[in-house]
Amino acid sequence: MPQLDNSHYRNPPWLSTDLNLVKLVSATLLVRSPARYAISSATGLLILIGLMGSPLSMAEDGLSWPDKSGPTFDGRVAASDADGLPVTWNEASGENIAWKVPIKGTGHSTPVIGGGRIWLTSATGEGTKQYVTCIEAASGDVLHQRLIWENISPEPLGNQINTYASPSCVLESDAVYVHFGTYGTARLDPHTGKTIWSRRDINVRHFRGPGSSPILGGELLILTFDGIDQQFLIALNKNTGDTVWKTNRSTDYHDLDENGNPFRDGDKRQAYGTPSWAQEPVLVMTC
């Protein structure tokens, strides 16, 4: 069975991250949801104090959290790395709370961690404004909070669950990749927060909002677009943003009515899966 290759995530100097920090953000995910992290202007980003008895510090061999699934692509850390995690907290009293920062808008994107910084995305409830935020982990200071895009007439979500900032960022030592589905994809400089390249011309009708996160594979940034009108995988050159290849899905959805039209405009065709990357042989999978 092909093995996941995470060699491009292993210990680049800029992503050398303190284990305590990973524990703190992992614990933060548990505050909101066991699977996803939701942010709001009312609650913001909340970080728990690890019960280690020492402040955050940079570790030479620290564990980074470069995308939504972590460095091992399964959302887990070793049991030994979870020692000392707080199991009780109280936002009102401040028990085990290191700091709390308000965030503009809402989102389901998972925070990613590198170099002592936390990156995440958010958006206004109606999707007209989309933001990227970078926070210093030790202090909670907001280093960058950018309005990256404005949308004149975003497609309604049609539900009370999803948001316009559900895909998560991906980190490398010299790049932050942000993705908002049909609304845009960009590479940012992790130090300045400035845009290196952006694409707003890869479009589908999400119908219920974007949800698939990008992944890195070698020199490629791979995106999934499963809309009601189009369903495809697309790979971009991570350095330039240029399209390298695009592969349409060949699935028979068995959703055509007696007139040959997709059921509910193609609602059964839209999905939110994030690809996985394997090598020997190279394989990209979605579900």
Foldseek 3Di string as FASTA:
>chain_A
DFAFDLVQVFQDPFFQFALQLVLFLQVQQVVDPNQWHKAAQVFARWTFAFQPPDATDGDRRHFWQFASCGSRNNVDDDPVSNPRRDPDADPVVGHRTQDGDGAPAMEGARWTGGNQKTWFKHAHQQRQWIWIWIARRRRRHTPDIDRPGGDDHDQGQPDDPHGQGAAYWGDGSQWIWGDRALQKIFIAGPVNRHTPDMDNPDHAALNNGAHEYWDDDVQWIKDWFFHQVFGKIWIARNNYRHTPDIGGDPDDQPQADPVRAGDPSRPSRHDRWYWGFGPPPTDIDTD
